[in-house]
């Protein structure tokens, strides 16, 4: 295994499966079984989950943006608690860390706490985004990956890679096998948002982008031998 510590970003929508909202338990169990294979091979796994299966705050025009983003942060906490329990169900040890106090639900994030959890063989869920409004879970993903010194970010999405235009709109959209983070920024490709892209560039953090729904996609991605796009630094 070339990657000893990875940050896996799961999209909330992908976890909802065909239902689009909430959770599709079969999908979550399938993800858990894949991650268990990595953990059993000695890979340390951190996880960030988006909140789109519950809330897309930026689409709300009636609520203050800060409050809308706070609801989104809490959506990611719910997602992480749920998926963490599915991971425990298939036999892994887990910890959910947040950048703000959630009573007894989670532990407060620090790099030291995360490293201690990894040393104990736990999968660490980074919930609650950055803890601040105006930052997406994309940015939280890159921030945590940089902080924990991950080797690579695995972006498990509903789409099977990075395209030159939206494949849902343009049937002739071309998928990239590989491109640099600078090209992502220059062409404004929607891999992650601009803030997250610049953080990746500045901190030399590579990303592998692939479709969660493809069989064994997470296991294949960690080896670098996968059906998707490598975003290099």
C-alpha atoms as a PDB file:
ATOM      1  CA  UNK A   1       0.000   0.000   0.000  1.00  0.00           C
ATOM      2  CA  UNK A   2       1.514   3.294  -1.007  1.00  0.00           C
ATOM      3  CA  UNK A   3      -0.944   5.396   1.023  1.00  0.00           C
ATOM      4  CA  UNK A   4      -0.730   4.941   4.786  1.00  0.00           C
ATOM      5  CA  UNK A   5      -3.197   7.667   5.780  1.00  0.00           C
ATOM      6  CA  UNK A   6      -6.059   8.855   3.590  1.00  0.00           C
ATOM      7  CA  UNK A   7      -8.930  11.299   3.899  1.00  0.00           C
ATOM      8  CA  UNK A   8     -12.112   9.922   2.326  1.00  0.00           C
ATOM      9  CA  UNK A   9     -14.782  12.472   1.374  1.00  0.00           C
ATOM     10  CA  UNK A  10     -18.233  10.968   0.936  1.00  0.00           C
ATOM     11  CA  UNK A  11     -20.992  12.986  -0.651  1.00  0.00           C
ATOM     12  CA  UNK A  12     -24.216  13.043   1.362  1.00  0.00           C
ATOM     13  CA  UNK A  13     -26.230  12.496  -1.812  1.00  0.00           C
ATOM     14  CA  UNK A  14     -24.194   9.429  -2.731  1.00  0.00           C
ATOM     15  CA  UNK A  15     -24.967   7.899   0.683  1.00  0.00           C
ATOM     16  CA  UNK A  16     -28.669   8.516   0.118  1.00  0.00           C
ATOM     17  CA  UNK A  17     -28.561   6.339  -3.015  1.00  0.00           C
ATOM     18  CA  UNK A  18     -31.629   6.503  -5.236  1.00  0.00           C
ATOM     19  CA  UNK A  19     -33.673   7.990  -2.396  1.00  0.00           C
ATOM     20  CA  UNK A  20     -31.771  11.322  -2.754  1.00  0.00           C
ATOM     21  CA  UNK A  21     -32.436  12.226   0.900  1.00  0.00           C
ATOM     22  CA  UNK A  22     -31.653  10.525   4.201  1.00  0.00           C
ATOM     23  CA  UNK A  23     -29.629   7.300   4.133  1.00  0.00           C
ATOM     24  CA  UNK A  24     -29.588   4.200   2.010  1.00  0.00           C
ATOM     25  CA  UNK A  25     -28.403   1.641   4.556  1.00  0.00           C
ATOM     26  CA  UNK A  26     -27.233  -0.894   1.965  1.00  0.00           C
ATOM     27  CA  UNK A  27     -24.984   1.750   0.366  1.00  0.00           C
ATOM     28  CA  UNK A  28     -23.570   2.717   3.776  1.00  0.00           C
ATOM     29  CA  UNK A  29     -22.835  -0.914   4.668  1.00  0.00           C
ATOM     30  CA  UNK A  30     -21.109  -1.413   1.320  1.00  0.00           C
ATOM     31  CA  UNK A  31     -18.910   1.656   2.017  1.00  0.00           C
ATOM     32  CA  UNK A  32     -18.165   0.358   5.527  1.00  0.00           C
ATOM     33  CA  UNK A  33     -17.092  -3.055   4.226  1.00  0.00           C
ATOM     34  CA  UNK A  34     -14.694  -1.416   1.764  1.00  0.00           C
ATOM     35  CA  UNK A  35     -13.172   0.841   4.412  1.00  0.00           C
ATOM     36  CA  UNK A  36     -12.760  -2.187   6.713  1.00  0.00           C
ATOM     37  CA  UNK A  37     -10.596  -3.808   4.051  1.00  0.00           C
ATOM     38  CA  UNK A  38      -8.340  -0.743   4.075  1.00  0.00           C
ATOM     39  CA  UNK A  39      -8.201  -0.619   7.881  1.00  0.00           C
ATOM     40  CA  UNK A  40      -7.414  -4.359   8.037  1.00  0.00           C
ATOM     41  CA  UNK A  41      -4.508  -3.640   5.639  1.00  0.00           C
ATOM     42  CA  UNK A  42      -3.140  -1.059   8.083  1.00  0.00           C
ATOM     43  CA  UNK A  43      -4.366   2.098   6.351  1.00  0.00           C
ATOM     44  CA  UNK A  44      -5.450   4.962   8.622  1.00  0.00           C
ATOM     45  CA  UNK A  45      -8.722   6.443   7.380  1.00  0.00           C
ATOM     46  CA  UNK A  46     -10.238   9.837   8.146  1.00  0.00           C
ATOM     47  CA  UNK A  47     -13.690  10.648   6.777  1.00  0.00           C
ATOM     48  CA  UNK A  48     -15.600  13.819   5.937  1.00  0.00           C
ATOM     49  CA  UNK A  49     -19.240  13.555   4.836  1.00  0.00           C
ATOM     50  CA  UNK A  50     -21.197  16.269   3.056  1.00  0.00           C
ATOM     51  CA  UNK A  51     -24.665  17.276   4.235  1.00  0.00           C
ATOM     52  CA  UNK A  52     -26.485  17.424   0.904  1.00  0.00           C
ATOM     53  CA  UNK A  53     -28.763  14.482   1.717  1.00  0.00           C
ATOM     54  CA  UNK A  54     -30.374  16.708   4.369  1.00  0.00           C
ATOM     55  CA  UNK A  55     -29.632  20.337   3.636  1.00  0.00           C
ATOM     56  CA  UNK A  56     -28.302  22.597   0.926  1.00  0.00           C
ATOM     57  CA  UNK A  57     -28.138  25.927   2.734  1.00  0.00           C
ATOM     58  CA  UNK A  58     -26.933  27.963  -0.214  1.00  0.00           C
ATOM     59  CA  UNK A  59     -30.212  27.375  -2.021  1.00  0.00           C
ATOM     60  CA  UNK A  60     -32.201  29.050   0.764  1.00  0.00           C
ATOM     61  CA  UNK A  61     -33.048  32.697   0.137  1.00  0.00           C
ATOM     62  CA  UNK A  62     -35.192  33.176   3.237  1.00  0.00           C
ATOM     63  CA  UNK A  63     -32.610  32.297   5.894  1.00  0.00           C
ATOM     64  CA  UNK A  64     -29.490  34.216   6.907  1.00  0.00           C
ATOM     65  CA  UNK A  65     -26.460  32.580   5.261  1.00  0.00           C
ATOM     66  CA  UNK A  66     -24.663  32.037   8.572  1.00  0.00           C
ATOM     67  CA  UNK A  67     -27.665  30.224  10.061  1.00  0.00           C
ATOM     68  CA  UNK A  68     -28.165  28.193   6.880  1.00  0.00           C
ATOM     69  CA  UNK A  69     -24.528  27.087   7.017  1.00  0.00           C
ATOM     70  CA  UNK A  70     -24.904  26.138  10.683  1.00  0.00           C
ATOM     71  CA  UNK A  71     -27.811  23.867   9.773  1.00  0.00           C
ATOM     72  CA  UNK A  72     -25.550  22.324   7.115  1.00  0.00           C
ATOM     73  CA  UNK A  73     -22.833  21.715   9.698  1.00  0.00           C
ATOM     74  CA  UNK A  74     -25.312  19.907  11.934  1.00  0.00           C
ATOM     75  CA  UNK A  75     -26.426  17.814   8.944  1.00  0.00           C
ATOM     76  CA  UNK A  76     -22.835  16.580   8.603  1.00  0.00           C
ATOM     77  CA  UNK A  77     -22.768  15.724  12.323  1.00  0.00           C
ATOM     78  CA  UNK A  78     -25.915  13.585  11.897  1.00  0.00           C
ATOM     79  CA  UNK A  79     -24.348  11.902   8.858  1.00  0.00           C
ATOM     80  CA  UNK A  80     -21.120  11.126  10.686  1.00  0.00           C
ATOM     81  CA  UNK A  81     -22.867   9.718  13.774  1.00  0.00           C
ATOM     82  CA  UNK A  82     -25.009   7.471  11.569  1.00  0.00           C
ATOM     83  CA  UNK A  83     -22.211   6.238   9.289  1.00  0.00           C
ATOM     84  CA  UNK A  84     -19.895   5.818  12.278  1.00  0.00           C
ATOM     85  CA  UNK A  85     -22.452   3.412  13.782  1.00  0.00           C
ATOM     86  CA  UNK A  86     -22.663   1.462  10.509  1.00  0.00           C
ATOM     87  CA  UNK A  87     -18.845   1.190  10.594  1.00  0.00           C
ATOM     88  CA  UNK A  88     -19.055  -0.173  14.144  1.00  0.00           C
ATOM     89  CA  UNK A  89     -21.712  -2.642  13.004  1.00  0.00           C
ATOM     90  CA  UNK A  90     -19.265  -4.173  10.499  1.00  0.00           C
ATOM     91  CA  UNK A  91     -16.518  -4.381  13.115  1.00  0.00           C
ATOM     92  CA  UNK A  92     -14.497  -1.155  13.190  1.00  0.00           C
ATOM     93  CA  UNK A  93     -13.653   1.226  16.024  1.00  0.00           C
ATOM     94  CA  UNK A  94     -14.631   4.848  15.327  1.00  0.00           C
ATOM     95  CA  UNK A  95     -14.530   8.352  16.756  1.00  0.00           C
ATOM     96  CA  UNK A  96     -16.508  11.427  15.668  1.00  0.00           C
ATOM     97  CA  UNK A  97     -14.678  14.750  16.092  1.00  0.00           C
ATOM     98  CA  UNK A  98     -16.245  18.209  15.692  1.00  0.00           C
ATOM     99  CA  UNK A  99     -14.744  21.721  15.755  1.00  0.00           C
ATOM    100  CA  UNK A 100     -17.462  22.806  18.219  1.00  0.00           C
ATOM    101  CA  UNK A 101     -18.877  21.208  21.374  1.00  0.00           C
ATOM    102  CA  UNK A 102     -21.800  18.797  20.791  1.00  0.00           C
ATOM    103  CA  UNK A 103     -22.308  17.701  24.362  1.00  0.00           C
ATOM    104  CA  UNK A 104     -21.573  13.989  24.747  1.00  0.00           C
ATOM    105  CA  UNK A 105     -22.303  13.248  21.056  1.00  0.00           C
ATOM    106  CA  UNK A 106     -18.777  13.918  19.759  1.00  0.00           C
ATOM    107  CA  UNK A 107     -15.258  14.780  20.867  1.00  0.00           C
ATOM    108  CA  UNK A 108     -13.721  18.187  20.222  1.00  0.00           C
ATOM    109  CA  UNK A 109     -11.325  18.139  17.256  1.00  0.00           C
ATOM    110  CA  UNK A 110      -7.608  18.627  17.653  1.00  0.00           C
ATOM    111  CA  UNK A 111      -4.776  17.160  15.634  1.00  0.00           C
ATOM    112  CA  UNK A 112      -3.461  15.437  18.775  1.00  0.00           C
ATOM    113  CA  UNK A 113      -6.844  13.793  19.431  1.00  0.00           C
ATOM    114  CA  UNK A 114      -7.076  12.659  15.788  1.00  0.00           C
ATOM    115  CA  UNK A 115      -3.553  11.190  15.884  1.00  0.00           C
ATOM    116  CA  UNK A 116      -4.304   9.389  19.161  1.00  0.00           C
ATOM    117  CA  UNK A 117      -7.426   7.854  17.575  1.00  0.00           C
ATOM    118  CA  UNK A 118      -5.450   6.761  14.502  1.00  0.00           C
ATOM    119  CA  UNK A 119      -2.825   5.186  16.766  1.00  0.00           C
ATOM    120  CA  UNK A 120      -5.617   3.153  18.377  1.00  0.00           C
ATOM    121  CA  UNK A 121      -6.684   1.861  14.958  1.00  0.00           C
ATOM    122  CA  UNK A 122      -9.888   3.910  14.840  1.00  0.00           C
ATOM    123  CA  UNK A 123     -11.568   5.399  11.775  1.00  0.00           C
ATOM    124  CA  UNK A 124     -11.911   9.120  12.507  1.00  0.00           C
ATOM    125  CA  UNK A 125     -14.948  11.072  11.312  1.00  0.00           C
ATOM    126  CA  UNK A 126     -14.438  14.823  10.956  1.00  0.00           C
ATOM    127  CA  UNK A 127     -17.951  16.259  11.331  1.00  0.00           C
ATOM    128  CA  UNK A 128     -19.228  19.823  11.482  1.00  0.00           C
ATOM    129  CA  UNK A 129     -17.203  21.224   8.593  1.00  0.00           C
ATOM    130  CA  UNK A 130     -14.648  23.865   9.596  1.00  0.00           C
ATOM    131  CA  UNK A 131     -17.011  25.095  12.313  1.00  0.00           C
ATOM    132  CA  UNK A 132     -17.445  28.397  10.473  1.00  0.00           C
ATOM    133  CA  UNK A 133     -19.977  29.643   7.902  1.00  0.00           C
ATOM    134  CA  UNK A 134     -18.974  30.410   4.306  1.00  0.00           C
ATOM    135  CA  UNK A 135     -16.738  27.324   4.147  1.00  0.00           C
ATOM    136  CA  UNK A 136     -17.957  24.196   2.380  1.00  0.00           C
ATOM    137  CA  UNK A 137     -17.334  20.575   3.312  1.00  0.00           C
ATOM    138  CA  UNK A 138     -14.886  20.600   0.360  1.00  0.00           C
ATOM    139  CA  UNK A 139     -12.774  23.136   2.232  1.00  0.00           C
ATOM    140  CA  UNK A 140     -13.180  21.186   5.488  1.00  0.00           C
ATOM    141  CA  UNK A 141     -11.998  18.055   3.657  1.00  0.00           C
ATOM    142  CA  UNK A 142      -8.795  19.671   2.416  1.00  0.00           C
ATOM    143  CA  UNK A 143      -8.191  21.442   5.740  1.00  0.00           C
ATOM    144  CA  UNK A 144      -8.441  18.188   7.715  1.00  0.00           C
ATOM    145  CA  UNK A 145      -6.379  16.274   5.131  1.00  0.00           C
ATOM    146  CA  UNK A 146      -3.597  18.856   5.414  1.00  0.00           C
ATOM    147  CA  UNK A 147      -3.815  18.961   9.217  1.00  0.00           C
ATOM    148  CA  UNK A 148      -3.593  15.189   9.649  1.00  0.00           C
ATOM    149  CA  UNK A 149      -0.910  14.970   6.924  1.00  0.00           C
ATOM    150  CA  UNK A 150      -2.881  12.572   4.746  1.00  0.00           C
ATOM    151  CA  UNK A 151      -1.161  11.133   1.676  1.00  0.00           C
ATOM    152  CA  UNK A 152      -4.160  11.695  -0.592  1.00  0.00           C
ATOM    153  CA  UNK A 153      -7.810  12.748  -0.605  1.00  0.00           C
ATOM    154  CA  UNK A 154     -10.254  10.161  -1.979  1.00  0.00           C
ATOM    155  CA  UNK A 155     -13.296  11.992  -3.363  1.00  0.00           C
ATOM    156  CA  UNK A 156     -16.185   9.535  -3.641  1.00  0.00           C
ATOM    157  CA  UNK A 157     -18.888  11.326  -5.586  1.00  0.00           C
ATOM    158  CA  UNK A 158     -22.062  10.649  -7.538  1.00  0.00           C
ATOM    159  CA  UNK A 159     -20.033  11.312 -10.758  1.00  0.00           C
ATOM    160  CA  UNK A 160     -17.177   9.073 -11.950  1.00  0.00           C
ATOM    161  CA  UNK A 161     -14.450  11.698 -12.222  1.00  0.00           C
ATOM    162  CA  UNK A 162     -13.679  15.202 -13.483  1.00  0.00           C
ATOM    163  CA  UNK A 163     -15.222  16.340 -16.772  1.00  0.00           C
ATOM    164  CA  UNK A 164     -14.585  19.362 -18.991  1.00  0.00           C
ATOM    165  CA  UNK A 165     -18.301  20.228 -18.659  1.00  0.00           C
ATOM    166  CA  UNK A 166     -21.326  18.898 -16.767  1.00  0.00           C
ATOM    167  CA  UNK A 167     -21.980  15.333 -18.067  1.00  0.00           C
ATOM    168  CA  UNK A 168     -25.623  15.601 -16.960  1.00  0.00           C
ATOM    169  CA  UNK A 169     -26.105  18.551 -19.322  1.00  0.00           C
ATOM    170  CA  UNK A 170     -23.590  17.768 -22.060  1.00  0.00           C
ATOM    171  CA  UNK A 171     -23.663  14.142 -23.329  1.00  0.00           C
ATOM    172  CA  UNK A 172     -20.332  14.805 -25.116  1.00  0.00           C
ATOM    173  CA  UNK A 173     -18.515  15.908 -21.950  1.00  0.00           C
ATOM    174  CA  UNK A 174     -14.972  14.544 -21.817  1.00  0.00           C
ATOM    175  CA  UNK A 175     -13.605  12.908 -18.676  1.00  0.00           C
ATOM    176  CA  UNK A 176     -10.017  13.529 -17.650  1.00  0.00           C
ATOM    177  CA  UNK A 177      -7.876  10.567 -16.586  1.00  0.00           C
ATOM    178  CA  UNK A 178      -5.418  12.946 -14.966  1.00  0.00           C
ATOM    179  CA  UNK A 179      -4.901  16.690 -14.619  1.00  0.00           C
ATOM    180  CA  UNK A 180      -3.094  19.098 -12.305  1.00  0.00           C
ATOM    181  CA  UNK A 181      -4.705  21.143  -9.565  1.00  0.00           C
ATOM    182  CA  UNK A 182      -3.499  24.243 -11.439  1.00  0.00           C
ATOM    183  CA  UNK A 183      -5.539  23.152 -14.475  1.00  0.00           C
ATOM    184  CA  UNK A 184      -8.567  22.633 -12.220  1.00  0.00           C
ATOM    185  CA  UNK A 185      -8.211  26.211 -10.947  1.00  0.00           C
ATOM    186  CA  UNK A 186      -7.464  27.761 -14.377  1.00  0.00           C
ATOM    187  CA  UNK A 187     -10.428  26.040 -16.053  1.00  0.00           C
ATOM    188  CA  UNK A 188     -12.699  26.453 -13.008  1.00  0.00           C
ATOM    189  CA  UNK A 189     -13.597  22.765 -13.084  1.00  0.00           C
ATOM    190  CA  UNK A 190     -16.057  21.769 -10.384  1.00  0.00           C
ATOM    191  CA  UNK A 191     -13.968  19.154  -8.566  1.00  0.00           C
ATOM    192  CA  UNK A 192     -14.054  20.980  -5.245  1.00  0.00           C
ATOM    193  CA  UNK A 193     -14.764  24.667  -4.727  1.00  0.00           C
ATOM    194  CA  UNK A 194     -12.113  27.317  -5.407  1.00  0.00           C
ATOM    195  CA  UNK A 195     -11.074  27.783  -1.758  1.00  0.00           C
ATOM    196  CA  UNK A 196     -10.474  24.038  -1.423  1.00  0.00           C
ATOM    197  CA  UNK A 197      -8.639  23.879  -4.782  1.00  0.00           C
ATOM    198  CA  UNK A 198      -6.227  26.646  -3.773  1.00  0.00           C
ATOM    199  CA  UNK A 199      -5.582  24.927  -0.425  1.00  0.00           C
ATOM    200  CA  UNK A 200      -4.754  21.711  -2.307  1.00  0.00           C
ATOM    201  CA  UNK A 201      -2.358  23.601  -4.573  1.00  0.00           C
ATOM    202  CA  UNK A 202      -0.617  25.463  -1.743  1.00  0.00           C
ATOM    203  CA  UNK A 203      -0.229  22.321   0.369  1.00  0.00           C
ATOM    204  CA  UNK A 204       0.499  19.882  -2.478  1.00  0.00           C
ATOM    205  CA  UNK A 205      -2.430  17.616  -1.618  1.00  0.00           C
ATOM    206  CA  UNK A 206      -3.397  15.202  -4.446  1.00  0.00           C
ATOM    207  CA  UNK A 207      -6.977  13.998  -5.008  1.00  0.00           C
ATOM    208  CA  UNK A 208      -8.488  10.902  -6.593  1.00  0.00           C
ATOM    209  CA  UNK A 209     -12.021  11.495  -7.876  1.00  0.00           C
ATOM    210  CA  UNK A 210     -14.340   8.548  -8.567  1.00  0.00           C
ATOM    211  CA  UNK A 211     -17.935   7.328  -8.350  1.00  0.00           C
ATOM    212  CA  UNK A 212     -18.942   5.835  -5.007  1.00  0.00           C
ATOM    213  CA  UNK A 213     -21.504   3.565  -6.690  1.00  0.00           C
ATOM    214  CA  UNK A 214     -18.914   1.625  -8.703  1.00  0.00           C
ATOM    215  CA  UNK A 215     -18.044  -1.729  -7.198  1.00  0.00           C
ATOM    216  CA  UNK A 216     -15.070  -1.641  -4.808  1.00  0.00           C
ATOM    217  CA  UNK A 217     -14.339   1.927  -5.918  1.00  0.00           C
ATOM    218  CA  UNK A 218     -12.763   2.975  -2.593  1.00  0.00           C
ATOM    219  CA  UNK A 219     -10.520  -0.096  -2.380  1.00  0.00           C
ATOM    220  CA  UNK A 220      -9.421   0.406  -5.987  1.00  0.00           C
ATOM    221  CA  UNK A 221      -8.851   4.132  -5.556  1.00  0.00           C
ATOM    222  CA  UNK A 222      -6.360   3.760  -2.723  1.00  0.00           C
ATOM    223  CA  UNK A 223      -4.075   1.712  -4.950  1.00  0.00           C
ATOM    224  CA  UNK A 224      -4.286   4.410  -7.627  1.00  0.00           C
ATOM    225  CA  UNK A 225      -5.676   1.800 -10.036  1.00  0.00           C
ATOM    226  CA  UNK A 226      -9.238   3.046 -10.445  1.00  0.00           C
ATOM    227  CA  UNK A 227     -11.831   4.318 -12.867  1.00  0.00           C
ATOM    228  CA  UNK A 228     -11.822   8.072 -12.328  1.00  0.00           C
ATOM    229  CA  UNK A 229      -9.567  11.138 -12.349  1.00  0.00           C
ATOM    230  CA  UNK A 230      -6.241  11.770 -10.631  1.00  0.00           C
ATOM    231  CA  UNK A 231      -5.757  15.410  -9.670  1.00  0.00           C
ATOM    232  CA  UNK A 232      -2.011  15.822  -9.237  1.00  0.00           C
ATOM    233  CA  UNK A 233       0.120  18.513  -7.619  1.00  0.00           C
END
